[in-house]
């Protein structure tokens, strides 16, 4: 008759509790120029029913927003802007749509970086020997070596190449042997960079320069506040007119007081 009636017996059915993949491990943020690259380990992928990841961004009030989904252990946030700090975390999904617990949260502050900058010796071409960290590509960082606005200038003498700090600029006295200005997207496994500026120990004395070494500077920015920058020397040599020059890469944190230059690891 299609009408359900009582039965003389019942069957107990055990429904297994859904077990989502474990949280993404080793979550970190690599700051780029107007972008943040998020990366994590592959522990979640070891689950038999793993499907993909969800990536979230957290605003200043603590609200969480879904940023996107990916099936790889990396995600590029191209909406991030230089000088603004963004916090992120990720979760793993299984094939039945169950979402696992969140990874730890990590933050990143995008900052401008540039490659293959040229700077001449102050005694050879003084008008092309000064440098000031700029906040965008529309501002030429090269200036006269005597300008009071310079953050540093290059000087070359019989003793070698020298990084000479400008007014209100200090240099960390120890250079860092690095393989790149920044490591992150598609970097070699052995990549070495300077992820964060030291907070103390800066001096105002001239610093001898070497290639494949990164130097961290503490400067006063356009806002009158303390900022941190890093340069990595690629070449020390001469041009066709026998004028000494330096070719280098550099990054500058436009957020005042923030020592993070490249990477932030969650905790």
Protein backbone atom coordinates (compact mmCIF):
# COMPACT_ATOMS: atom_id res chain seq x y z
CA UNK A 1 0.00 0.00 0.00
CA UNK A 2 3.06 2.28 0.20
CA UNK A 3 2.37 3.03 3.86
CA UNK A 4 5.27 2.44 6.20
CA UNK A 5 4.48 0.09 9.05
CA UNK A 6 6.33 -0.95 12.14
CA UNK A 7 8.68 -3.89 11.85
CA UNK A 8 9.32 -6.68 14.31
CA UNK A 9 13.06 -6.02 14.32
CA UNK A 10 15.58 -3.27 13.58
CA UNK A 11 18.99 -3.18 11.98
CA UNK A 12 21.66 -1.02 13.54
CA UNK A 13 23.77 0.76 10.94
CA UNK A 14 27.11 2.29 11.97
CA UNK A 15 27.90 5.42 9.95
CA UNK A 16 31.61 6.21 10.08
CA UNK A 17 32.54 9.73 11.11
CA UNK A 18 34.00 11.70 8.25
CA UNK A 19 37.74 12.22 8.53
CA UNK A 20 39.01 15.17 6.47
CA UNK A 21 42.66 15.39 5.39
CA UNK A 22 45.13 16.79 7.94
CA UNK A 23 45.90 20.50 7.98
CA UNK A 24 48.50 21.80 5.49
CA UNK A 25 51.91 21.84 7.15
CA UNK A 26 54.80 24.34 7.08
CA UNK A 27 52.58 27.17 5.84
CA UNK A 28 54.55 30.29 4.82
CA UNK A 29 54.23 33.52 2.85
CA UNK A 30 56.85 34.88 0.45
CA UNK A 31 56.47 38.63 -0.16
CA UNK A 32 56.89 39.73 -3.77
CA UNK A 33 56.38 43.00 -5.62
CA UNK A 34 52.62 43.73 -5.42
CA UNK A 35 51.93 40.06 -4.69
CA UNK A 36 52.27 37.38 -2.01
CA UNK A 37 53.19 33.77 -2.76
CA UNK A 38 51.82 31.19 -0.32
CA UNK A 39 53.44 27.78 0.04
CA UNK A 40 53.09 24.76 2.31
CA UNK A 41 54.06 21.11 2.67
CA UNK A 42 52.33 18.06 1.16
CA UNK A 43 51.24 16.28 4.34
CA UNK A 44 47.53 16.75 3.52
CA UNK A 45 48.05 15.01 0.17
CA UNK A 46 48.97 11.78 1.96
CA UNK A 47 45.29 11.23 2.81
CA UNK A 48 43.72 8.62 0.47
CA UNK A 49 40.70 10.80 -0.19
CA UNK A 50 42.54 14.13 -0.64
CA UNK A 51 41.01 16.41 -3.28
CA UNK A 52 42.32 20.01 -3.14
CA UNK A 53 43.07 23.01 -0.93
CA UNK A 54 41.15 26.13 0.04
CA UNK A 55 43.09 29.35 0.70
CA UNK A 56 41.76 32.05 3.01
CA UNK A 57 42.74 35.66 3.75
CA UNK A 58 42.05 37.28 7.12
CA UNK A 59 41.22 40.99 7.32
CA UNK A 60 42.20 43.40 10.08
CA UNK A 61 39.03 42.64 12.05
CA UNK A 62 39.72 38.91 12.03
CA UNK A 63 37.08 38.04 9.42
CA UNK A 64 38.00 35.16 7.10
CA UNK A 65 37.37 35.23 3.36
CA UNK A 66 37.88 32.48 0.80
CA UNK A 67 40.59 33.67 -1.56
CA UNK A 68 40.67 30.70 -3.90
CA UNK A 69 41.22 26.97 -4.39
CA UNK A 70 44.17 25.01 -5.76
CA UNK A 71 45.33 21.42 -6.17
CA UNK A 72 49.00 22.31 -5.64
CA UNK A 73 51.03 23.28 -2.58
CA UNK A 74 51.25 26.93 -3.63
CA UNK A 75 49.05 29.93 -4.37
CA UNK A 76 49.84 33.38 -5.78
CA UNK A 77 47.81 36.33 -4.47
CA UNK A 78 48.02 38.97 -7.18
CA UNK A 79 45.55 41.25 -5.39
CA UNK A 80 48.01 42.06 -2.60
CA UNK A 81 49.43 45.60 -2.67
CA UNK A 82 52.83 46.87 -1.61
CA UNK A 83 52.99 48.20 1.93
CA UNK A 84 49.90 46.35 3.20
CA UNK A 85 50.13 43.28 5.45
CA UNK A 86 47.92 40.28 4.64
CA UNK A 87 47.33 37.18 6.78
CA UNK A 88 46.53 33.79 5.26
CA UNK A 89 45.84 30.15 6.07
CA UNK A 90 44.85 27.07 4.10
CA UNK A 91 42.70 23.97 4.60
CA UNK A 92 42.53 20.62 2.80
CA UNK A 93 39.38 19.09 1.25
CA UNK A 94 38.55 15.44 0.61
CA UNK A 95 36.68 14.04 -2.39
CA UNK A 96 33.38 14.07 -0.46
CA UNK A 97 33.61 17.78 0.32
CA UNK A 98 34.79 17.50 3.92
CA UNK A 99 37.07 20.37 4.95
CA UNK A 100 39.93 19.74 7.34
CA UNK A 101 41.32 21.97 10.06
CA UNK A 102 43.23 25.12 9.20
CA UNK A 103 46.96 25.43 8.83
CA UNK A 104 48.76 27.92 11.00
CA UNK A 105 48.41 31.54 9.91
CA UNK A 106 51.24 33.47 8.24
CA UNK A 107 51.39 37.08 7.11
CA UNK A 108 53.21 38.80 4.27
CA UNK A 109 53.78 42.42 3.29
CA UNK A 110 54.52 42.91 -0.43
CA UNK A 111 57.31 45.37 -1.22
CA UNK A 112 58.98 46.59 -4.40
CA UNK A 113 62.04 44.82 -5.70
CA UNK A 114 64.13 45.47 -8.78
CA UNK A 115 66.89 43.65 -10.62
CA UNK A 116 70.01 44.66 -12.54
CA UNK A 117 70.22 48.24 -11.24
CA UNK A 118 73.34 50.15 -12.31
CA UNK A 119 75.26 52.53 -10.06
CA UNK A 120 78.51 54.30 -10.98
CA UNK A 121 81.52 55.19 -8.87
CA UNK A 122 81.19 58.64 -7.32
CA UNK A 123 84.65 59.66 -8.53
CA UNK A 124 83.93 58.59 -12.13
CA UNK A 125 80.31 59.67 -12.68
CA UNK A 126 79.13 61.53 -9.58
CA UNK A 127 75.66 62.31 -10.94
CA UNK A 128 74.98 58.57 -11.34
CA UNK A 129 76.53 57.40 -8.08
CA UNK A 130 73.78 58.06 -5.53
CA UNK A 131 70.85 55.76 -4.73
CA UNK A 132 67.59 56.13 -2.83
CA UNK A 133 65.17 53.27 -2.29
CA UNK A 134 61.95 54.07 -4.16
CA UNK A 135 58.43 52.89 -3.45
CA UNK A 136 57.40 52.33 -7.06
CA UNK A 137 58.82 51.90 -10.55
CA UNK A 138 57.83 55.42 -11.56
CA UNK A 139 60.52 56.97 -9.35
CA UNK A 140 64.13 56.84 -10.54
CA UNK A 141 66.26 55.64 -7.59
CA UNK A 142 69.53 56.88 -9.13
CA UNK A 143 70.62 60.39 -8.19
CA UNK A 144 73.64 62.60 -7.63
CA UNK A 145 76.05 61.16 -5.11
CA UNK A 146 76.12 64.48 -3.25
CA UNK A 147 72.33 64.69 -2.88
CA UNK A 148 71.22 64.91 0.76
CA UNK A 149 68.31 62.65 -0.20
CA UNK A 150 70.50 59.70 -1.11
CA UNK A 151 70.41 56.57 1.04
CA UNK A 152 73.90 55.62 -0.11
CA UNK A 153 76.43 56.09 -2.89
CA UNK A 154 79.14 53.97 -4.48
CA UNK A 155 82.81 54.85 -4.09
CA UNK A 156 85.74 52.98 -5.62
CA UNK A 157 89.38 53.43 -4.62
CA UNK A 158 92.57 51.45 -4.50
CA UNK A 159 91.17 49.40 -1.64
CA UNK A 160 88.03 48.29 -3.46
CA UNK A 161 84.33 49.08 -3.83
CA UNK A 162 82.52 50.80 -0.95
CA UNK A 163 78.92 51.32 0.09
CA UNK A 164 78.91 54.80 1.62
CA UNK A 165 75.80 55.60 3.70
CA UNK A 166 73.99 58.88 3.21
CA UNK A 167 72.45 61.10 5.87
CA UNK A 168 70.24 59.17 8.34
CA UNK A 169 71.28 55.83 6.83
CA UNK A 170 72.91 52.95 8.70
CA UNK A 171 74.25 49.65 7.39
CA UNK A 172 74.33 46.27 9.06
CA UNK A 173 78.08 45.63 9.27
CA UNK A 174 77.98 41.98 8.20
CA UNK A 175 77.09 41.04 4.66
CA UNK A 176 75.06 37.88 4.05
CA UNK A 177 76.28 35.36 1.46
CA UNK A 178 73.23 34.68 -0.68
CA UNK A 179 72.35 32.95 -3.92
CA UNK A 180 69.45 35.28 -4.76
CA UNK A 181 67.77 38.49 -3.66
CA UNK A 182 64.72 36.41 -2.74
CA UNK A 183 63.80 32.74 -2.70
CA UNK A 184 60.29 31.52 -3.26
CA UNK A 185 58.47 30.82 -6.49
CA UNK A 186 60.42 28.24 -8.55
CA UNK A 187 63.55 28.80 -6.43
CA UNK A 188 66.26 26.16 -6.29
CA UNK A 189 66.27 23.89 -3.25
CA UNK A 190 69.56 25.41 -2.09
CA UNK A 191 68.43 29.03 -2.51
CA UNK A 192 69.64 31.41 0.22
CA UNK A 193 68.31 34.95 0.77
CA UNK A 194 67.83 37.52 3.53
CA UNK A 195 64.28 37.07 4.75
CA UNK A 196 64.25 39.67 7.53
CA UNK A 197 66.36 42.67 8.51
CA UNK A 198 68.23 42.59 11.84
CA UNK A 199 66.66 44.94 14.38
CA UNK A 200 69.90 46.16 16.01
CA UNK A 201 73.64 46.45 15.34
CA UNK A 202 73.65 49.00 12.51
CA UNK A 203 76.56 51.36 11.93
CA UNK A 204 77.18 54.44 9.79
CA UNK A 205 80.69 53.52 8.60
CA UNK A 206 81.49 52.74 4.95
CA UNK A 207 80.93 49.09 4.06
CA UNK A 208 83.26 47.14 1.73
CA UNK A 209 81.35 45.38 -1.05
CA UNK A 210 81.63 41.87 -2.46
CA UNK A 211 79.69 40.10 -5.20
CA UNK A 212 77.02 37.50 -4.37
CA UNK A 213 76.57 39.15 -0.97
CA UNK A 214 73.45 40.92 0.35
CA UNK A 215 73.65 44.05 2.53
CA UNK A 216 70.84 45.31 4.75
CA UNK A 217 70.27 49.03 5.33
CA UNK A 218 68.14 50.97 7.80
CA UNK A 219 66.98 54.23 6.23
CA UNK A 220 64.53 57.06 6.69
CA UNK A 221 61.75 56.90 4.10
CA UNK A 222 59.63 59.55 2.46
CA UNK A 223 57.31 59.46 5.46
CA UNK A 224 60.12 60.34 7.90
CA UNK A 225 59.92 56.88 9.48
CA UNK A 226 62.44 54.02 9.71
CA UNK A 227 62.40 51.54 6.81
CA UNK A 228 64.56 48.56 5.86
CA UNK A 229 66.05 47.72 2.50
CA UNK A 230 68.44 45.13 1.08
CA UNK A 231 70.75 45.11 -1.91
CA UNK A 232 72.48 42.10 -3.45
CA UNK A 233 75.63 42.75 -5.47
CA UNK A 234 75.75 40.87 -8.78
CA UNK A 235 78.77 42.52 -10.40
CA UNK A 236 81.60 44.91 -9.52
CA UNK A 237 83.47 45.98 -12.62
CA UNK A 238 84.02 48.55 -15.35
CA UNK A 239 82.20 49.71 -18.46
CA UNK A 240 83.70 50.32 -21.93
CA UNK A 241 84.97 53.75 -20.79
CA UNK A 242 86.75 52.15 -17.83
CA UNK A 243 84.33 53.72 -15.34
CA UNK A 244 83.77 51.63 -12.23
CA UNK A 245 80.22 50.49 -11.56
CA UNK A 246 78.08 48.10 -9.55
CA UNK A 247 75.15 46.02 -10.85
CA UNK A 248 72.81 44.90 -8.09
CA UNK A 249 69.30 43.79 -7.12
CA UNK A 250 67.35 45.45 -4.33
CA UNK A 251 64.17 45.26 -2.26
CA UNK A 252 62.60 47.88 0.01
CA UNK A 253 59.95 47.46 2.69
CA UNK A 254 57.59 50.41 2.29
CA UNK A 255 55.77 49.64 5.55
CA UNK A 256 57.48 51.68 8.27
CA UNK A 257 59.28 49.67 10.93
CA UNK A 258 58.58 46.29 9.30
CA UNK A 259 61.80 44.23 9.06
CA UNK A 260 60.30 41.51 6.84
CA UNK A 261 61.97 41.63 3.44
CA UNK A 262 60.92 38.33 1.91
CA UNK A 263 59.38 35.50 3.93
CA UNK A 264 57.05 35.07 6.88
CA UNK A 265 56.47 31.63 8.41
CA UNK A 266 53.33 30.97 10.42
CA UNK A 267 53.34 29.94 14.03
